[in-house]
Amino acid sequence: MYRYLGDKHTDPALKGALCEAVRQENGKCIRGKNGSMLVQFLSSPFPTVVIGRLLRKVNLEDISAQQK
């Protein structure tokens, strides 16, 4: 699970949004040669390519604790 930080060109709805990495059959994340990563936002039904440097890994325990 990742949190997308975004930049000045990012849609405000996606800044800080949670997303999950799209994985290959062998379990590895799909990464591009330029550092991009294929993710699926929890609020979106389709995969999106984002800049990998703007993703931060989050723990599920941290997310559930923040919601309480």
PDB file of N, CA and C in Angstrom:
ATOM      1  N   MET A   1       0.852  -1.168   0.000  1.00  0.00           N
ATOM      2  CA  MET A   1       0.000   0.000   0.000  1.00  0.00           C
ATOM      3  C   MET A   1       0.898   1.232   0.000  1.00  0.00           C
ATOM      4  N   TYR A   2       0.569   2.194  -0.827  1.00  0.00           N
ATOM      5  CA  TYR A   2       1.358   3.414  -0.968  1.00  0.00           C
ATOM      6  C   TYR A   2       0.462   4.642  -0.823  1.00  0.00           C
ATOM      7  N   ARG A   3       1.080   5.760  -0.451  1.00  0.00           N
ATOM      8  CA  ARG A   3       0.412   7.055  -0.460  1.00  0.00           C
ATOM      9  C   ARG A   3       1.106   7.885  -1.529  1.00  0.00           C
ATOM     10  N   TYR A   4       0.309   8.451  -2.451  1.00  0.00           N
ATOM     11  CA  TYR A   4       0.861   9.246  -3.541  1.00  0.00           C
ATOM     12  C   TYR A   4       0.923  10.704  -3.117  1.00  0.00           C
ATOM     13  N   LEU A   5       2.128  11.274  -3.117  1.00  0.00           N
ATOM     14  CA  LEU A   5       2.308  12.659  -2.692  1.00  0.00           C
ATOM     15  C   LEU A   5       1.891  13.649  -3.766  1.00  0.00           C
ATOM     16  N   GLY A   6       2.183  13.344  -5.009  1.00  0.00           N
ATOM     17  CA  GLY A   6       1.841  14.238  -6.105  1.00  0.00           C
ATOM     18  C   GLY A   6       2.796  15.416  -6.202  1.00  0.00           C
ATOM     19  N   ASP A   7       2.598  16.241  -7.221  1.00  0.00           N
ATOM     20  CA  ASP A   7       3.381  17.456  -7.407  1.00  0.00           C
ATOM     21  C   ASP A   7       2.432  18.579  -7.804  1.00  0.00           C
ATOM     22  N   LYS A   8       2.969  19.679  -8.318  1.00  0.00           N
ATOM     23  CA  LYS A   8       2.117  20.830  -8.619  1.00  0.00           C
ATOM     24  C   LYS A   8       1.187  20.584  -9.809  1.00  0.00           C
ATOM     25  N   HIS A   9       1.452  19.557 -10.613  1.00  0.00           N
ATOM     26  CA  HIS A   9       0.615  19.247 -11.767  1.00  0.00           C
ATOM     27  C   HIS A   9      -0.418  18.156 -11.472  1.00  0.00           C
ATOM     28  N   THR A  10      -0.398  17.608 -10.281  1.00  0.00           N
ATOM     29  CA  THR A  10      -1.269  16.494  -9.911  1.00  0.00           C
ATOM     30  C   THR A  10      -2.677  16.980  -9.604  1.00  0.00           C
ATOM     31  N   ASP A  11      -3.653  16.195 -10.013  1.00  0.00           N
ATOM     32  CA  ASP A  11      -5.048  16.468  -9.667  1.00  0.00           C
ATOM     33  C   ASP A  11      -5.167  16.486  -8.140  1.00  0.00           C
ATOM     34  N   PRO A  12      -5.772  17.511  -7.561  1.00  0.00           N
ATOM     35  CA  PRO A  12      -5.887  17.583  -6.097  1.00  0.00           C
ATOM     36  C   PRO A  12      -6.585  16.373  -5.472  1.00  0.00           C
ATOM     37  N   ALA A  13      -7.446  15.709  -6.227  1.00  0.00           N
ATOM     38  CA  ALA A  13      -8.133  14.530  -5.699  1.00  0.00           C
ATOM     39  C   ALA A  13      -7.169  13.365  -5.477  1.00  0.00           C
ATOM     40  N   LEU A  14      -6.039  13.358  -6.172  1.00  0.00           N
ATOM     41  CA  LEU A  14      -5.082  12.254  -6.047  1.00  0.00           C
ATOM     42  C   LEU A  14      -3.972  12.537  -5.045  1.00  0.00           C
ATOM     43  N   LYS A  15      -3.799  13.781  -4.636  1.00  0.00           N
ATOM     44  CA  LYS A  15      -2.743  14.103  -3.670  1.00  0.00           C
ATOM     45  C   LYS A  15      -3.070  13.472  -2.323  1.00  0.00           C
ATOM     46  N   GLY A  16      -2.164  12.669  -1.823  1.00  0.00           N
ATOM     47  CA  GLY A  16      -2.363  11.987  -0.552  1.00  0.00           C
ATOM     48  C   GLY A  16      -3.244  10.754  -0.644  1.00  0.00           C
ATOM     49  N   ALA A  17      -3.644  10.372  -1.858  1.00  0.00           N
ATOM     50  CA  ALA A  17      -4.533   9.221  -2.031  1.00  0.00           C
ATOM     51  C   ALA A  17      -3.766   7.913  -1.843  1.00  0.00           C
ATOM     52  N   LEU A  18      -4.474   6.907  -1.367  1.00  0.00           N
ATOM     53  CA  LEU A  18      -3.882   5.577  -1.196  1.00  0.00           C
ATOM     54  C   LEU A  18      -3.980   4.803  -2.499  1.00  0.00           C
ATOM     55  N   CYS A  19      -2.953   4.013  -2.775  1.00  0.00           N
ATOM     56  CA  CYS A  19      -2.952   3.203  -3.983  1.00  0.00           C
ATOM     57  C   CYS A  19      -2.228   1.889  -3.708  1.00  0.00           C
ATOM     58  N   GLU A  20      -2.467   0.948  -4.584  1.00  0.00           N
ATOM     59  CA  GLU A  20      -1.870  -0.381  -4.485  1.00  0.00           C
ATOM     60  C   GLU A  20      -1.072  -0.631  -5.761  1.00  0.00           C
ATOM     61  N   ALA A  21       0.087  -1.224  -5.646  1.00  0.00           N
ATOM     62  CA  ALA A  21       0.929  -1.516  -6.808  1.00  0.00           C
ATOM     63  C   ALA A  21       0.282  -2.605  -7.659  1.00  0.00           C
ATOM     64  N   VAL A  22       0.343  -2.438  -8.973  1.00  0.00           N
ATOM     65  CA  VAL A  22      -0.078  -3.482  -9.899  1.00  0.00           C
ATOM     66  C   VAL A  22       1.112  -4.414 -10.050  1.00  0.00           C
ATOM     67  N   ARG A  23       0.887  -5.698  -9.866  1.00  0.00           N
ATOM     68  CA  ARG A  23       1.996  -6.655  -9.828  1.00  0.00           C
ATOM     69  C   ARG A  23       1.953  -7.620 -11.010  1.00  0.00           C
ATOM     70  N   GLN A  24       3.127  -8.121 -11.361  1.00  0.00           N
ATOM     71  CA  GLN A  24       3.268  -9.137 -12.396  1.00  0.00           C
ATOM     72  C   GLN A  24       2.886 -10.490 -11.808  1.00  0.00           C
ATOM     73  N   GLU A  25       2.898 -11.524 -12.647  1.00  0.00           N
ATOM     74  CA  GLU A  25       2.556 -12.868 -12.172  1.00  0.00           C
ATOM     75  C   GLU A  25       3.533 -13.361 -11.112  1.00  0.00           C
ATOM     76  N   ASN A  26       4.792 -12.912 -11.180  1.00  0.00           N
ATOM     77  CA  ASN A  26       5.798 -13.364 -10.211  1.00  0.00           C
ATOM     78  C   ASN A  26       5.782 -12.540  -8.924  1.00  0.00           C
ATOM     79  N   GLY A  27       4.864 -11.583  -8.798  1.00  0.00           N
ATOM     80  CA  GLY A  27       4.720 -10.811  -7.576  1.00  0.00           C
ATOM     81  C   GLY A  27       5.483  -9.502  -7.542  1.00  0.00           C
ATOM     82  N   LYS A  28       6.264  -9.215  -8.585  1.00  0.00           N
ATOM     83  CA  LYS A  28       7.033  -7.970  -8.615  1.00  0.00           C
ATOM     84  C   LYS A  28       6.169  -6.817  -9.120  1.00  0.00           C
ATOM     85  N   CYS A  29       6.475  -5.611  -8.631  1.00  0.00           N
ATOM     86  CA  CYS A  29       5.789  -4.404  -9.088  1.00  0.00           C
ATOM     87  C   CYS A  29       6.169  -4.125 -10.537  1.00  0.00           C
ATOM     88  N   ILE A  30       5.274  -3.481 -11.261  1.00  0.00           N
ATOM     89  CA  ILE A  30       5.560  -3.084 -12.634  1.00  0.00           C
ATOM     90  C   ILE A  30       6.175  -1.694 -12.603  1.00  0.00           C
ATOM     91  N   ARG A  31       7.465  -1.613 -12.925  1.00  0.00           N
ATOM     92  CA  ARG A  31       8.214  -0.355 -12.916  1.00  0.00           C
ATOM     93  C   ARG A  31       8.679  -0.046 -14.329  1.00  0.00           C
ATOM     94  N   GLY A  32       8.728   1.238 -14.660  1.00  0.00           N
ATOM     95  CA  GLY A  32       9.239   1.674 -15.954  1.00  0.00           C
ATOM     96  C   GLY A  32      10.732   1.932 -15.888  1.00  0.00           C
ATOM     97  N   LYS A  33      11.344   2.132 -17.033  1.00  0.00           N
ATOM     98  CA  LYS A  33      12.785   2.391 -17.092  1.00  0.00           C
ATOM     99  C   LYS A  33      13.139   3.748 -16.503  1.00  0.00           C
ATOM    100  N   ASN A  34      12.192   4.677 -16.489  1.00  0.00           N
ATOM    101  CA  ASN A  34      12.463   6.022 -15.982  1.00  0.00           C
ATOM    102  C   ASN A  34      12.012   6.207 -14.533  1.00  0.00           C
ATOM    103  N   GLY A  35      11.713   5.125 -13.831  1.00  0.00           N
ATOM    104  CA  GLY A  35      11.327   5.221 -12.423  1.00  0.00           C
ATOM    105  C   GLY A  35       9.836   5.335 -12.190  1.00  0.00           C
ATOM    106  N   SER A  36       9.044   5.232 -13.242  1.00  0.00           N
ATOM    107  CA  SER A  36       7.596   5.290 -13.063  1.00  0.00           C
ATOM    108  C   SER A  36       7.087   3.949 -12.526  1.00  0.00           C
ATOM    109  N   MET A  37       5.878   3.958 -12.019  1.00  0.00           N
ATOM    110  CA  MET A  37       5.304   2.745 -11.429  1.00  0.00           C
ATOM    111  C   MET A  37       3.820   2.677 -11.764  1.00  0.00           C
ATOM    112  N   LEU A  38       3.337   1.491 -12.052  1.00  0.00           N
ATOM    113  CA  LEU A  38       1.927   1.289 -12.350  1.00  0.00           C
ATOM    114  C   LEU A  38       1.198   0.976 -11.050  1.00  0.00           C
ATOM    115  N   VAL A  39       0.217   1.815 -10.700  1.00  0.00           N
ATOM    116  CA  VAL A  39      -0.542   1.647  -9.464  1.00  0.00           C
ATOM    117  C   VAL A  39      -2.028   1.739  -9.765  1.00  0.00           C
ATOM    118  N   GLN A  40      -2.820   1.286  -8.821  1.00  0.00           N
ATOM    119  CA  GLN A  40      -4.271   1.438  -8.905  1.00  0.00           C
ATOM    120  C   GLN A  40      -4.730   2.148  -7.645  1.00  0.00           C
ATOM    121  N   PHE A  41      -5.301   3.342  -7.827  1.00  0.00           N
ATOM    122  CA  PHE A  41      -5.811   4.100  -6.695  1.00  0.00           C
ATOM    123  C   PHE A  41      -7.078   3.433  -6.183  1.00  0.00           C
ATOM    124  N   LEU A  42      -7.295   3.492  -4.870  1.00  0.00           N
ATOM    125  CA  LEU A  42      -8.478   2.877  -4.276  1.00  0.00           C
ATOM    126  C   LEU A  42      -9.747   3.564  -4.750  1.00  0.00           C
ATOM    127  N   SER A  43      -9.638   4.834  -5.152  1.00  0.00           N
ATOM    128  CA  SER A  43     -10.804   5.591  -5.603  1.00  0.00           C
ATOM    129  C   SER A  43     -11.009   5.509  -7.111  1.00  0.00           C
ATOM    130  N   SER A  44     -10.173   4.748  -7.822  1.00  0.00           N
ATOM    131  CA  SER A  44     -10.233   4.700  -9.278  1.00  0.00           C
ATOM    132  C   SER A  44     -10.308   3.249  -9.749  1.00  0.00           C
ATOM    133  N   PRO A  45     -11.121   2.974 -10.769  1.00  0.00           N
ATOM    134  CA  PRO A  45     -11.259   1.591 -11.238  1.00  0.00           C
ATOM    135  C   PRO A  45     -10.186   1.153 -12.230  1.00  0.00           C
ATOM    136  N   PHE A  46      -9.306   2.059 -12.662  1.00  0.00           N
ATOM    137  CA  PHE A  46      -8.328   1.707 -13.687  1.00  0.00           C
ATOM    138  C   PHE A  46      -6.907   2.008 -13.212  1.00  0.00           C
ATOM    139  N   PRO A  47      -5.911   1.287 -13.736  1.00  0.00           N
ATOM    140  CA  PRO A  47      -4.518   1.520 -13.342  1.00  0.00           C
ATOM    141  C   PRO A  47      -4.001   2.859 -13.873  1.00  0.00           C
ATOM    142  N   THR A  48      -3.033   3.432 -13.163  1.00  0.00           N
ATOM    143  CA  THR A  48      -2.458   4.728 -13.509  1.00  0.00           C
ATOM    144  C   THR A  48      -0.941   4.647 -13.381  1.00  0.00           C
ATOM    145  N   VAL A  49      -0.232   5.300 -14.284  1.00  0.00           N
ATOM    146  CA  VAL A  49       1.224   5.387 -14.212  1.00  0.00           C
ATOM    147  C   VAL A  49       1.580   6.658 -13.454  1.00  0.00           C
ATOM    148  N   VAL A  50       2.387   6.521 -12.398  1.00  0.00           N
ATOM    149  CA  VAL A  50       2.803   7.675 -11.593  1.00  0.00           C
ATOM    150  C   VAL A  50       4.320   7.653 -11.431  1.00  0.00           C
ATOM    151  N   ILE A  51       4.863   8.774 -10.991  1.00  0.00           N
ATOM    152  CA  ILE A  51       6.298   8.876 -10.726  1.00  0.00           C
ATOM    153  C   ILE A  51       6.595   8.131  -9.424  1.00  0.00           C
ATOM    154  N   GLY A  52       7.468   7.159  -9.498  1.00  0.00           N
ATOM    155  CA  GLY A  52       7.763   6.325  -8.339  1.00  0.00           C
ATOM    156  C   GLY A  52       8.347   7.077  -7.161  1.00  0.00           C
ATOM    157  N   ARG A  53       9.098   8.138  -7.417  1.00  0.00           N
ATOM    158  CA  ARG A  53       9.711   8.913  -6.330  1.00  0.00           C
ATOM    159  C   ARG A  53       8.670   9.627  -5.479  1.00  0.00           C
ATOM    160  N   LEU A  54       7.453   9.780  -5.986  1.00  0.00           N
ATOM    161  CA  LEU A  54       6.413  10.485  -5.242  1.00  0.00           C
ATOM    162  C   LEU A  54       5.506   9.537  -4.464  1.00  0.00           C
ATOM    163  N   LEU A  55       5.881   8.259  -4.402  1.00  0.00           N
ATOM    164  CA  LEU A  55       5.122   7.270  -3.634  1.00  0.00           C
ATOM    165  C   LEU A  55       5.815   7.014  -2.299  1.00  0.00           C
ATOM    166  N   ARG A  56       5.034   6.865  -1.245  1.00  0.00           N
ATOM    167  CA  ARG A  56       5.560   6.517   0.077  1.00  0.00           C
ATOM    168  C   ARG A  56       4.829   5.281   0.572  1.00  0.00           C
ATOM    169  N   LYS A  57       5.597   4.283   0.973  1.00  0.00           N
ATOM    170  CA  LYS A  57       5.012   3.045   1.493  1.00  0.00           C
ATOM    171  C   LYS A  57       4.395   3.314   2.856  1.00  0.00           C
ATOM    172  N   VAL A  58       3.179   2.818   3.070  1.00  0.00           N
ATOM    173  CA  VAL A  58       2.498   2.987   4.351  1.00  0.00           C
ATOM    174  C   VAL A  58       2.076   1.620   4.871  1.00  0.00           C
ATOM    175  N   ASN A  59       2.009   1.505   6.189  1.00  0.00           N
ATOM    176  CA  ASN A  59       1.560   0.274   6.828  1.00  0.00           C
ATOM    177  C   ASN A  59       0.052   0.315   6.994  1.00  0.00           C
ATOM    178  N   LEU A  60      -0.587  -0.828   6.878  1.00  0.00           N
ATOM    179  CA  LEU A  60      -2.037  -0.888   7.054  1.00  0.00           C
ATOM    180  C   LEU A  60      -2.431  -0.541   8.480  1.00  0.00           C
ATOM    181  N   GLU A  61      -1.561  -0.841   9.450  1.00  0.00           N
ATOM    182  CA  GLU A  61      -1.858  -0.517  10.847  1.00  0.00           C
ATOM    183  C   GLU A  61      -1.902   0.999  11.040  1.00  0.00           C
ATOM    184  N   ASP A  62      -1.001   1.721  10.368  1.00  0.00           N
ATOM    185  CA  ASP A  62      -0.980   3.179  10.473  1.00  0.00           C
ATOM    186  C   ASP A  62      -2.249   3.794   9.897  1.00  0.00           C
ATOM    187  N   ILE A  63      -2.731   3.223   8.809  1.00  0.00           N
ATOM    188  CA  ILE A  63      -3.941   3.745   8.167  1.00  0.00           C
ATOM    189  C   ILE A  63      -5.146   3.540   9.067  1.00  0.00           C
ATOM    190  N   SER A  64      -5.277   2.353   9.653  1.00  0.00           N
ATOM    191  CA  SER A  64      -6.426   2.080  10.517  1.00  0.00           C
ATOM    192  C   SER A  64      -6.365   2.911  11.796  1.00  0.00           C
ATOM    193  N   ALA A  65      -5.171   3.188  12.300  1.00  0.00           N
ATOM    194  CA  ALA A  65      -5.035   4.005  13.506  1.00  0.00           C
ATOM    195  C   ALA A  65      -5.410   5.458  13.234  1.00  0.00           C
ATOM    196  N   GLN A  66      -5.109   5.972  12.043  1.00  0.00           N
ATOM    197  CA  GLN A  66      -5.449   7.344  11.693  1.00  0.00           C
ATOM    198  C   GLN A  66      -6.945   7.523  11.509  1.00  0.00           C
ATOM    199  N   GLN A  67      -7.635   6.478  11.065  1.00  0.00           N
ATOM    200  CA  GLN A  67      -9.073   6.576  10.821  1.00  0.00           C
ATOM    201  C   GLN A  67      -9.869   6.533  12.111  1.00  0.00           C
ATOM    202  N   LYS A  68      -9.274   6.060  13.202  1.00  0.00           N
ATOM    203  CA  LYS A  68      -9.993   5.953  14.478  1.00  0.00           C
ATOM    204  C   LYS A  68      -9.996   7.250  15.220  1.00  0.00           C
TER     205      LYS A  68
END
